[in-house]
Amino acid sequence: MSNRPCLWDEHRPGVLLSANQWLVIALGAGALFGIIAGWATWQLPLGAYPAWLLLAAPVTGVVILLIGLVKYDLLVLLTFSTVGFVWFEPAPFDLLLVVVLVLGLLTGRLRWPSSKTGALVHIGLWGLVVTNVLSAAVLVPAQPNLLFLAITLYVLALFCFVRMYVIDRDTARTVLTGYLVSTVANVVVTFLGLSGFNIPLPVVRFSIRGAGFFEDPNVYGPFVLVAALWVADQIVQRSFSFARTGPMMLLTGLLGAGAMLSLSRAVWINLGFSGLLYLALLLRRASRDDVVRFSVLAGVVLLVAILALNSWGLGEVMSRRWTFYGYDEARFSIQRRGIVAAFTHPIGVGPGGWPNTHSLYVRTLAEHGVLGLASLVLLIGGLMLPLVRRAWQGGAAKGILPDRLLVATIAGQLVNSVVIDSIHWRHLWILLGLAWSALETSVGQEDR
């Protein structure tokens, strides 16, 4: 074997590049240059920006590619730091993910997980791919259907990327740190927007609902909750010190308030369900002193969130949001008809064929039939059942991704998905990918 130095971190697996691989990378750089240039021309109004700015987009793409070649983990961190900036499609995160996925596969940094473990997850994953493609094949090809299919396959690729990349605590920390950076940016601009600052982007929808850099407050809220719960769990694992845990408690309260500002009833239920489940799993094996400490922590975080919400005078608005609206009945009607459609179309009505369902499960059933829903249930069940068993038994209680945190966070998102179309939520598939990694790698082991 050659003794030439490897381009990658010597402590992580990597391979030397052959001449053919360099040729592929060069061609990829050229293709990336052209794709980003075309994307910039499409997204930005012609004549509204100087030519140098349009040229900067593909140049930036090549620089990003070089960063990935030299510091792959840094590029992954930068990628996940953009996961919450999705006010247009394709989002910067989507473009960057393609780069890190292709680079990782080409250089050996990413390896397909073994099928010897997690058989249900593999069956569910490939079942979703097959049922999506099969249901699309029975339709007359149409751009909306093919686009919906492509996005579904993309989020499944994101799910697989997270599983392949997150193989230890360091890589898990890279993903979660980037995610937290993106979440804080969203919450800060939402606070500023609701406080009357002139933000050039519509970070507040319908005048009162926080949305951050998302198009829909119903997606923004659950996205923020993931980070809020993660920070809260990191506090729980530390010995109390005001200097160390005080700022983190404040951050948790602000993130919780930021999620509540979406004014989404599903988000509030999500928060309540995740919080109670997390506390139940946490207190199951806690000492009396820990019970007191955790109760104080929960009270302080709740107080910070309430004060933040009251500062915008949203108490009355939030109470009115619990009212049953006319569009709620319309949503339930669409769901009922979607269930009926599933029995008249055995393989479903096709990707994107049952819009505005406001239910992950009914939409999957209507668009991809019983087999599609069964595949989704197998994938989620294959992840959640072992995690619940381990969390109940007290396993993996410390570290970057404790079982109790994954169970509570994912369960809340799944409850939210009963009344929301979440099939294309990037953060949901990131969570599921982290759960898969926690079950099969050292991520799920306690720090020593």
Protein backbone atom coordinates (compact mmCIF):
# COMPACT_ATOMS: atom_id res chain seq x y z
CA MET A 1 0.00 0.00 0.00
CA SER A 2 1.20 3.49 -0.80
CA ASN A 3 2.52 5.63 2.05
CA ARG A 4 1.25 8.86 0.53
CA PRO A 5 -0.74 10.98 2.97
CA CYS A 6 -4.50 10.72 2.82
CA LEU A 7 -6.61 13.81 2.22
CA TRP A 8 -8.92 12.96 5.10
CA ASP A 9 -8.59 13.12 8.87
CA GLU A 10 -6.16 10.38 9.84
CA HIS A 11 -8.45 9.25 12.65
CA ARG A 12 -11.38 8.60 10.31
CA PRO A 13 -11.63 6.05 7.49
CA GLY A 14 -10.70 7.36 4.08
CA VAL A 15 -9.16 6.30 0.79
CA LEU A 16 -6.56 7.73 -1.53
CA LEU A 17 -7.91 9.03 -4.80
CA SER A 18 -6.94 7.46 -8.08
CA ALA A 19 -6.56 9.38 -11.34
CA ASN A 20 -10.01 8.23 -12.42
CA GLN A 21 -11.54 9.47 -9.18
CA TRP A 22 -9.90 12.85 -9.63
CA LEU A 23 -11.35 12.96 -13.14
CA VAL A 24 -14.81 12.20 -11.76
CA ILE A 25 -14.38 14.94 -9.14
CA ALA A 26 -13.25 17.43 -11.79
CA LEU A 27 -16.26 16.59 -13.95
CA GLY A 28 -18.46 16.83 -10.87
CA ALA A 29 -17.04 20.25 -10.06
CA GLY A 30 -17.83 21.42 -13.57
CA ALA A 31 -21.34 20.01 -13.34
CA LEU A 32 -21.83 21.57 -9.92
CA PHE A 33 -20.63 24.90 -11.30
CA GLY A 34 -23.20 24.74 -14.09
CA ILE A 35 -26.04 23.53 -11.85
CA ILE A 36 -25.56 26.30 -9.29
CA ALA A 37 -25.21 28.90 -12.04
CA GLY A 38 -28.46 27.70 -13.58
CA TRP A 39 -30.18 27.61 -10.21
CA ALA A 40 -29.06 31.18 -9.42
CA THR A 41 -30.29 32.40 -12.80
CA TRP A 42 -33.63 30.69 -12.20
CA GLN A 43 -34.12 31.89 -8.64
CA LEU A 44 -32.90 35.48 -9.00
CA PRO A 45 -34.70 37.96 -11.28
CA LEU A 46 -32.65 38.75 -14.36
CA GLY A 47 -31.14 42.21 -14.24
CA ALA A 48 -31.88 42.66 -10.55
CA TYR A 49 -28.37 41.71 -9.48
CA PRO A 50 -24.92 42.45 -10.91
CA ALA A 51 -23.20 39.81 -13.04
CA TRP A 52 -20.46 39.28 -10.45
CA LEU A 53 -23.06 38.17 -7.92
CA LEU A 54 -24.46 35.55 -10.28
CA LEU A 55 -20.91 34.38 -10.99
CA ALA A 56 -20.20 34.12 -7.25
CA ALA A 57 -22.76 31.33 -6.87
CA PRO A 58 -20.94 28.70 -8.98
CA VAL A 59 -17.55 29.85 -7.66
CA THR A 60 -18.90 29.30 -4.15
CA GLY A 61 -19.99 25.84 -5.23
CA VAL A 62 -16.47 24.91 -6.27
CA VAL A 63 -15.06 26.29 -3.01
CA ILE A 64 -17.59 24.16 -1.11
CA LEU A 65 -16.43 21.12 -3.04
CA LEU A 66 -12.81 21.80 -2.10
CA ILE A 67 -13.78 22.20 1.58
CA GLY A 68 -15.45 18.82 1.41
CA LEU A 69 -12.32 17.23 -0.04
CA VAL A 70 -10.03 18.65 2.64
CA LYS A 71 -12.34 18.89 5.69
CA TYR A 72 -15.35 16.67 5.15
CA ASP A 73 -16.70 17.00 8.69
CA LEU A 74 -16.54 20.79 8.44
CA LEU A 75 -18.65 20.68 5.30
CA VAL A 76 -21.20 18.46 7.06
CA LEU A 77 -21.33 20.97 9.93
CA LEU A 78 -21.88 23.83 7.47
CA THR A 79 -24.54 21.79 5.67
CA PHE A 80 -26.61 21.12 8.77
CA SER A 81 -26.20 24.74 9.84
CA THR A 82 -28.40 25.60 6.84
CA VAL A 83 -31.11 22.97 7.46
CA GLY A 84 -33.56 25.60 8.77
CA PHE A 85 -33.26 28.00 5.81
CA VAL A 86 -35.97 26.71 3.50
CA TRP A 87 -37.98 29.71 2.37
CA PHE A 88 -37.46 28.57 -1.25
CA GLU A 89 -36.90 25.23 -2.96
CA PRO A 90 -34.47 23.68 -3.51
CA ALA A 91 -33.02 25.03 -0.29
CA PRO A 92 -29.27 25.60 0.25
CA PHE A 93 -29.31 22.56 2.55
CA ASP A 94 -30.57 20.36 -0.27
CA LEU A 95 -27.77 21.41 -2.62
CA LEU A 96 -25.12 20.97 0.06
CA LEU A 97 -26.49 17.57 1.06
CA VAL A 98 -26.07 16.33 -2.52
CA VAL A 99 -22.43 17.43 -2.37
CA VAL A 100 -21.62 15.74 0.97
CA LEU A 101 -23.52 12.60 -0.04
CA VAL A 102 -21.72 12.21 -3.36
CA LEU A 103 -18.32 13.10 -1.88
CA GLY A 104 -18.85 10.72 1.02
CA LEU A 105 -19.73 7.80 -1.24
CA LEU A 106 -16.91 8.56 -3.68
CA THR A 107 -14.20 8.81 -1.06
CA GLY A 108 -15.34 5.98 1.19
CA ARG A 109 -16.42 8.19 4.08
CA LEU A 110 -19.93 6.80 3.78
CA ARG A 111 -20.69 3.10 3.69
CA TRP A 112 -24.06 1.44 3.27
CA PRO A 113 -25.27 -0.02 6.59
CA SER A 114 -25.32 -3.78 6.90
CA SER A 115 -28.66 -5.48 6.35
CA LYS A 116 -27.84 -8.05 9.05
CA THR A 117 -29.29 -5.72 11.68
CA GLY A 118 -32.41 -3.60 11.56
CA ALA A 119 -34.17 -5.87 9.07
CA LEU A 120 -37.53 -4.14 9.62
CA VAL A 121 -35.96 -0.76 8.87
CA HIS A 122 -34.49 -2.02 5.61
CA ILE A 123 -37.76 -3.65 4.59
CA GLY A 124 -39.70 -0.49 5.42
CA LEU A 125 -37.21 1.74 3.59
CA TRP A 126 -37.20 -0.25 0.36
CA GLY A 127 -40.93 -0.82 0.68
CA LEU A 128 -41.45 2.95 0.67
CA VAL A 129 -39.23 3.31 -2.39
CA VAL A 130 -41.05 0.58 -4.30
CA THR A 131 -44.57 1.69 -3.37
CA ASN A 132 -43.79 5.31 -4.26
CA VAL A 133 -42.39 4.36 -7.65
CA LEU A 134 -45.16 1.82 -8.29
CA SER A 135 -47.96 4.25 -7.45
CA ALA A 136 -46.34 6.90 -9.66
CA ALA A 137 -46.07 4.44 -12.57
CA VAL A 138 -49.84 3.97 -12.81
CA LEU A 139 -50.42 7.69 -13.37
CA VAL A 140 -50.05 9.65 -16.55
CA PRO A 141 -46.65 11.30 -16.03
CA ALA A 142 -47.20 14.80 -14.70
CA GLN A 143 -44.72 17.28 -13.32
CA PRO A 144 -46.35 17.67 -9.87
CA ASN A 145 -46.47 13.89 -9.34
CA LEU A 146 -42.88 13.32 -10.47
CA LEU A 147 -41.69 16.26 -8.39
CA PHE A 148 -43.43 14.89 -5.30
CA LEU A 149 -41.88 11.47 -5.97
CA ALA A 150 -38.42 13.03 -6.36
CA ILE A 151 -38.74 14.91 -3.06
CA THR A 152 -39.84 11.75 -1.24
CA LEU A 153 -36.85 9.83 -2.60
CA TYR A 154 -34.65 12.75 -1.57
CA VAL A 155 -35.77 12.71 2.09
CA LEU A 156 -35.22 8.96 2.16
CA ALA A 157 -31.69 9.62 0.87
CA LEU A 158 -31.27 12.16 3.70
CA PHE A 159 -32.38 9.47 6.16
CA CYS A 160 -29.74 7.09 4.76
CA PHE A 161 -27.04 9.78 4.77
CA VAL A 162 -27.54 10.47 8.48
CA ARG A 163 -27.32 6.74 9.23
CA MET A 164 -24.13 6.33 7.18
CA TYR A 165 -22.42 9.47 8.51
CA VAL A 166 -23.31 9.33 12.21
CA ILE A 167 -21.19 6.42 13.40
CA ASP A 168 -19.93 7.79 16.73
CA ARG A 169 -20.46 10.60 19.23
CA ASP A 170 -18.26 13.05 17.32
CA THR A 171 -20.22 12.76 14.09
CA ALA A 172 -23.51 12.93 16.00
CA ARG A 173 -22.28 16.10 17.70
CA THR A 174 -21.37 17.59 14.29
CA VAL A 175 -24.91 17.08 12.97
CA LEU A 176 -26.63 18.28 16.15
CA THR A 177 -24.40 21.34 16.53
CA GLY A 178 -25.18 22.44 12.98
CA TYR A 179 -28.87 21.82 13.62
CA LEU A 180 -28.74 23.92 16.81
CA VAL A 181 -27.03 26.81 15.01
CA SER A 182 -29.77 26.81 12.39
CA THR A 183 -32.50 26.64 15.06
CA VAL A 184 -31.14 29.56 17.06
CA ALA A 185 -30.96 31.68 13.91
CA ASN A 186 -34.63 30.89 13.18
CA VAL A 187 -35.79 31.73 16.70
CA VAL A 188 -33.79 34.99 16.84
CA VAL A 189 -35.25 36.33 13.57
CA THR A 190 -38.73 35.28 14.70
CA PHE A 191 -38.34 37.23 17.95
CA LEU A 192 -37.05 40.24 16.00
CA GLY A 193 -39.90 40.03 13.49
CA LEU A 194 -42.55 39.88 16.19
CA SER A 195 -40.85 42.77 18.00
CA GLY A 196 -41.36 45.03 15.01
CA PHE A 197 -37.91 44.94 13.41
CA ASN A 198 -37.92 45.23 9.65
CA ILE A 199 -36.79 41.76 8.48
CA PRO A 200 -36.47 41.53 4.68
CA LEU A 201 -37.89 37.99 4.71
CA PRO A 202 -41.41 36.99 5.87
CA VAL A 203 -40.37 35.46 9.19
CA VAL A 204 -43.86 36.13 10.63
CA ARG A 205 -46.91 34.75 8.83
CA PHE A 206 -50.47 36.02 9.11
CA SER A 207 -49.11 38.96 11.17
CA ILE A 208 -48.83 36.95 14.40
CA ARG A 209 -47.50 33.45 13.66
CA GLY A 210 -43.77 32.87 13.87
CA ALA A 211 -42.31 30.97 10.92
CA GLY A 212 -38.61 31.84 10.90
CA PHE A 213 -36.97 30.90 7.62
CA PHE A 214 -39.77 28.42 6.83
CA GLU A 215 -42.76 28.88 4.59
CA ASP A 216 -45.12 27.25 7.09
CA PRO A 217 -45.35 27.87 10.87
CA ASN A 218 -46.52 24.25 11.23
CA VAL A 219 -43.06 23.09 10.11
CA TYR A 220 -41.06 25.76 11.92
CA GLY A 221 -42.48 24.86 15.35
CA PRO A 222 -41.64 21.12 15.36
CA PHE A 223 -38.22 21.90 13.88
CA VAL A 224 -37.39 24.15 16.85
CA LEU A 225 -38.73 21.67 19.41
CA VAL A 226 -36.10 19.10 18.44
CA ALA A 227 -33.29 21.47 19.45
CA ALA A 228 -35.13 22.61 22.60
CA LEU A 229 -35.42 19.05 23.88
CA TRP A 230 -31.81 18.23 23.02
CA VAL A 231 -30.46 21.24 24.94
CA ALA A 232 -32.73 20.41 27.89
CA ASP A 233 -31.39 16.86 27.98
CA GLN A 234 -27.79 18.10 27.94
CA ILE A 235 -28.64 20.22 31.01
CA VAL A 236 -30.12 17.21 32.80
CA GLN A 237 -26.90 15.26 32.34
CA ARG A 238 -24.74 17.97 33.94
CA SER A 239 -24.23 18.68 37.60
CA PHE A 240 -25.95 21.95 38.44
CA SER A 241 -23.85 25.08 38.18
CA PHE A 242 -25.46 28.43 37.48
CA ALA A 243 -22.49 29.57 35.41
CA ARG A 244 -22.62 26.48 33.21
CA THR A 245 -26.26 25.46 33.14
CA GLY A 246 -27.91 28.87 33.59
CA PRO A 247 -27.31 30.03 29.99
CA MET A 248 -28.43 26.62 28.69
CA MET A 249 -31.64 26.84 30.73
CA LEU A 250 -32.28 30.27 29.29
CA LEU A 251 -31.64 28.95 25.79
CA THR A 252 -34.03 26.05 26.34
CA GLY A 253 -36.77 28.40 27.50
CA LEU A 254 -36.26 30.72 24.53
CA LEU A 255 -36.29 27.80 22.09
CA GLY A 256 -39.47 26.49 23.68
CA ALA A 257 -41.06 29.94 23.42
CA GLY A 258 -39.88 30.20 19.83
CA ALA A 259 -41.65 26.96 18.97
CA MET A 260 -44.81 28.09 20.76
CA LEU A 261 -44.79 31.30 18.72
CA SER A 262 -45.72 29.25 15.67
CA LEU A 263 -49.21 29.28 17.24
CA SER A 264 -49.71 25.75 15.93
CA ARG A 265 -52.02 23.63 18.06
CA ALA A 266 -50.24 20.51 16.81
CA VAL A 267 -46.92 21.96 18.01
CA TRP A 268 -48.34 22.61 21.47
CA ILE A 269 -49.58 19.01 21.66
CA ASN A 270 -46.19 17.87 20.36
CA LEU A 271 -44.40 19.79 23.10
CA GLY A 272 -46.71 18.54 25.84
CA PHE A 273 -46.55 14.91 24.73
CA SER A 274 -42.76 14.89 24.24
CA GLY A 275 -42.16 16.71 27.51
CA LEU A 276 -44.33 14.39 29.60
CA LEU A 277 -42.93 11.26 27.97
CA TYR A 278 -39.38 12.50 28.48
CA LEU A 279 -40.04 13.23 32.16
CA ALA A 280 -41.65 9.82 32.65
CA LEU A 281 -38.62 8.04 31.21
CA LEU A 282 -36.22 10.33 33.07
CA LEU A 283 -37.85 10.01 36.49
CA ARG A 284 -38.33 6.25 36.18
CA ARG A 285 -34.83 5.62 37.54
CA ALA A 286 -34.06 9.00 39.12
CA SER A 287 -33.15 9.55 42.77
CA ARG A 288 -35.15 11.83 45.07
CA ASP A 289 -32.59 14.63 44.67
CA ASP A 290 -32.75 14.28 40.91
CA VAL A 291 -36.55 14.51 40.99
CA VAL A 292 -36.32 17.83 42.83
CA ARG A 293 -33.61 19.13 40.49
CA PHE A 294 -35.50 18.13 37.35
CA SER A 295 -38.73 19.66 38.67
CA VAL A 296 -36.96 22.96 39.33
CA LEU A 297 -35.40 22.84 35.87
CA ALA A 298 -38.76 22.22 34.21
CA GLY A 299 -40.32 25.07 36.21
CA VAL A 300 -37.60 27.57 35.28
CA VAL A 301 -37.75 26.65 31.58
CA LEU A 302 -41.55 26.92 31.62
CA LEU A 303 -41.36 30.29 33.37
CA VAL A 304 -38.91 31.67 30.79
CA ALA A 305 -41.14 30.48 27.97
CA ILE A 306 -44.27 32.02 29.53
CA LEU A 307 -42.53 35.36 30.13
CA ALA A 308 -41.28 35.43 26.56
CA LEU A 309 -44.75 34.70 25.19
CA ASN A 310 -46.42 37.29 27.43
CA SER A 311 -43.94 39.92 26.27
CA TRP A 312 -45.67 39.77 22.87
CA GLY A 313 -49.15 39.82 24.39
CA LEU A 314 -50.08 36.49 22.81
CA GLY A 315 -51.91 34.95 25.76
CA GLU A 316 -55.38 35.77 24.43
CA VAL A 317 -54.40 34.82 20.88
CA MET A 318 -53.16 31.43 22.07
CA SER A 319 -56.36 30.75 23.98
CA ARG A 320 -58.41 31.53 20.85
CA ARG A 321 -56.31 29.10 18.80
CA TRP A 322 -57.92 26.17 20.64
CA THR A 323 -61.24 27.00 18.96
CA PHE A 324 -62.54 24.53 16.34
CA TYR A 325 -62.42 26.30 12.97
CA GLY A 326 -64.26 25.64 9.74
CA TYR A 327 -61.12 24.54 7.94
CA ASP A 328 -60.64 21.83 10.59
CA GLU A 329 -63.83 20.14 9.39
CA ALA A 330 -62.58 20.42 5.79
CA ARG A 331 -59.34 18.70 6.75
CA PHE A 332 -61.14 15.85 8.50
CA SER A 333 -63.38 15.45 5.45
CA ILE A 334 -60.31 15.14 3.20
CA GLN A 335 -58.90 12.51 5.55
CA ARG A 336 -62.12 10.48 5.54
CA ARG A 337 -62.23 10.53 1.74
CA GLY A 338 -58.54 9.61 1.63
CA ILE A 339 -59.21 6.45 3.66
CA VAL A 340 -62.02 5.51 1.27
CA ALA A 341 -59.77 6.18 -1.73
CA ALA A 342 -57.19 3.75 -0.36
CA PHE A 343 -59.67 0.89 -0.65
CA THR A 344 -60.69 1.80 -4.20
CA HIS A 345 -57.06 2.26 -5.34
CA PRO A 346 -55.03 -0.69 -4.01
CA ILE A 347 -51.66 0.85 -4.92
CA GLY A 348 -52.77 4.40 -4.16
CA VAL A 349 -53.55 7.47 -6.20
CA GLY A 350 -49.88 8.32 -6.69
CA PRO A 351 -47.33 10.75 -5.19
CA GLY A 352 -48.90 14.11 -4.43
CA GLY A 353 -52.28 12.81 -5.52
CA TRP A 354 -54.07 13.55 -2.23
CA PRO A 355 -52.96 17.06 -1.18
CA ASN A 356 -53.96 18.98 1.94
CA THR A 357 -54.58 15.76 3.85
CA HIS A 358 -53.03 17.09 7.07
CA SER A 359 -52.04 13.61 8.17
CA LEU A 360 -48.85 11.73 7.38
CA TYR A 361 -50.56 8.38 7.80
CA VAL A 362 -53.75 9.04 5.83
CA ARG A 363 -51.80 10.68 3.03
CA THR A 364 -49.41 7.74 2.78
CA LEU A 365 -52.37 5.35 2.76
CA ALA A 366 -54.26 7.30 0.09
CA GLU A 367 -51.28 7.93 -2.20
CA HIS A 368 -49.44 4.60 -1.87
CA GLY A 369 -52.02 2.15 -0.64
CA VAL A 370 -51.95 -0.29 2.26
CA LEU A 371 -48.47 -1.50 1.31
CA GLY A 372 -47.15 2.06 1.42
CA LEU A 373 -48.55 2.67 4.90
CA ALA A 374 -47.32 -0.75 6.05
CA SER A 375 -43.82 0.11 4.83
CA LEU A 376 -43.86 3.37 6.76
CA VAL A 377 -45.08 1.60 9.91
CA LEU A 378 -42.37 -1.07 9.54
CA LEU A 379 -39.64 1.55 9.20
CA ILE A 380 -40.81 3.59 12.18
CA GLY A 381 -41.63 0.53 14.28
CA GLY A 382 -38.26 -1.03 13.51
CA LEU A 383 -36.63 2.05 15.00
CA MET A 384 -38.95 2.92 17.86
CA LEU A 385 -39.66 -0.49 19.41
CA PRO A 386 -36.01 -1.27 20.29
CA LEU A 387 -35.48 2.32 21.45
CA VAL A 388 -38.53 2.23 23.71
CA ARG A 389 -37.40 -1.09 25.18
CA ARG A 390 -33.92 0.24 25.89
CA ALA A 391 -35.20 3.55 27.28
CA TRP A 392 -37.64 1.76 29.61
CA GLN A 393 -34.83 -0.45 30.87
CA GLY A 394 -32.63 2.58 31.47
CA GLY A 395 -30.05 1.83 28.77
CA ALA A 396 -27.95 4.55 27.11
CA ALA A 397 -29.09 7.16 29.64
CA LYS A 398 -26.14 9.50 29.09
CA GLY A 399 -24.23 10.85 26.13
CA ILE A 400 -24.95 12.87 23.05
CA LEU A 401 -28.18 10.99 22.14
CA PRO A 402 -29.77 9.14 25.08
CA ASP A 403 -32.54 6.69 24.26
CA ARG A 404 -35.10 8.62 26.32
CA LEU A 405 -34.43 11.76 24.29
CA LEU A 406 -34.84 10.00 20.94
CA VAL A 407 -38.01 8.22 22.05
CA ALA A 408 -39.66 11.37 23.45
CA THR A 409 -38.64 13.61 20.54
CA ILE A 410 -39.64 11.22 17.76
CA ALA A 411 -42.87 10.21 19.51
CA GLY A 412 -43.92 13.87 19.73
CA GLN A 413 -43.21 14.39 16.04
CA LEU A 414 -45.23 11.28 15.17
CA VAL A 415 -48.18 12.51 17.23
CA ASN A 416 -47.89 15.87 15.46
CA SER A 417 -47.97 13.99 12.14
CA VAL A 418 -51.47 12.71 12.87
CA VAL A 419 -52.80 16.13 11.81
CA ILE A 420 -49.95 17.42 9.63
CA ASP A 421 -48.44 16.27 6.30
CA SER A 422 -44.89 15.61 7.52
CA ILE A 423 -43.66 13.20 4.84
CA HIS A 424 -41.21 15.82 3.53
CA TRP A 425 -40.06 17.27 6.86
CA ARG A 426 -36.27 17.23 6.67
CA HIS A 427 -35.89 17.28 10.44
CA LEU A 428 -38.17 14.25 10.87
CA TRP A 429 -35.98 12.13 8.61
CA ILE A 430 -32.85 13.47 10.33
CA LEU A 431 -34.32 12.33 13.65
CA LEU A 432 -35.15 8.90 12.27
CA GLY A 433 -31.65 8.63 10.83
CA LEU A 434 -30.15 9.49 14.22
CA ALA A 435 -32.33 6.83 15.83
CA TRP A 436 -31.09 4.25 13.32
CA SER A 437 -27.49 5.21 14.08
CA ALA A 438 -28.09 5.08 17.83
CA LEU A 439 -29.37 1.52 17.56
CA GLU A 440 -26.49 0.16 15.52
CA THR A 441 -23.38 2.21 16.36
CA SER A 442 -21.50 3.61 19.34
CA VAL A 443 -23.75 6.69 19.30
CA GLY A 444 -26.21 4.75 21.43
CA GLN A 445 -23.61 3.86 24.06
CA GLU A 446 -23.11 5.86 27.22
CA ASP A 447 -20.09 8.12 27.58
CA ARG A 448 -17.46 6.59 29.80
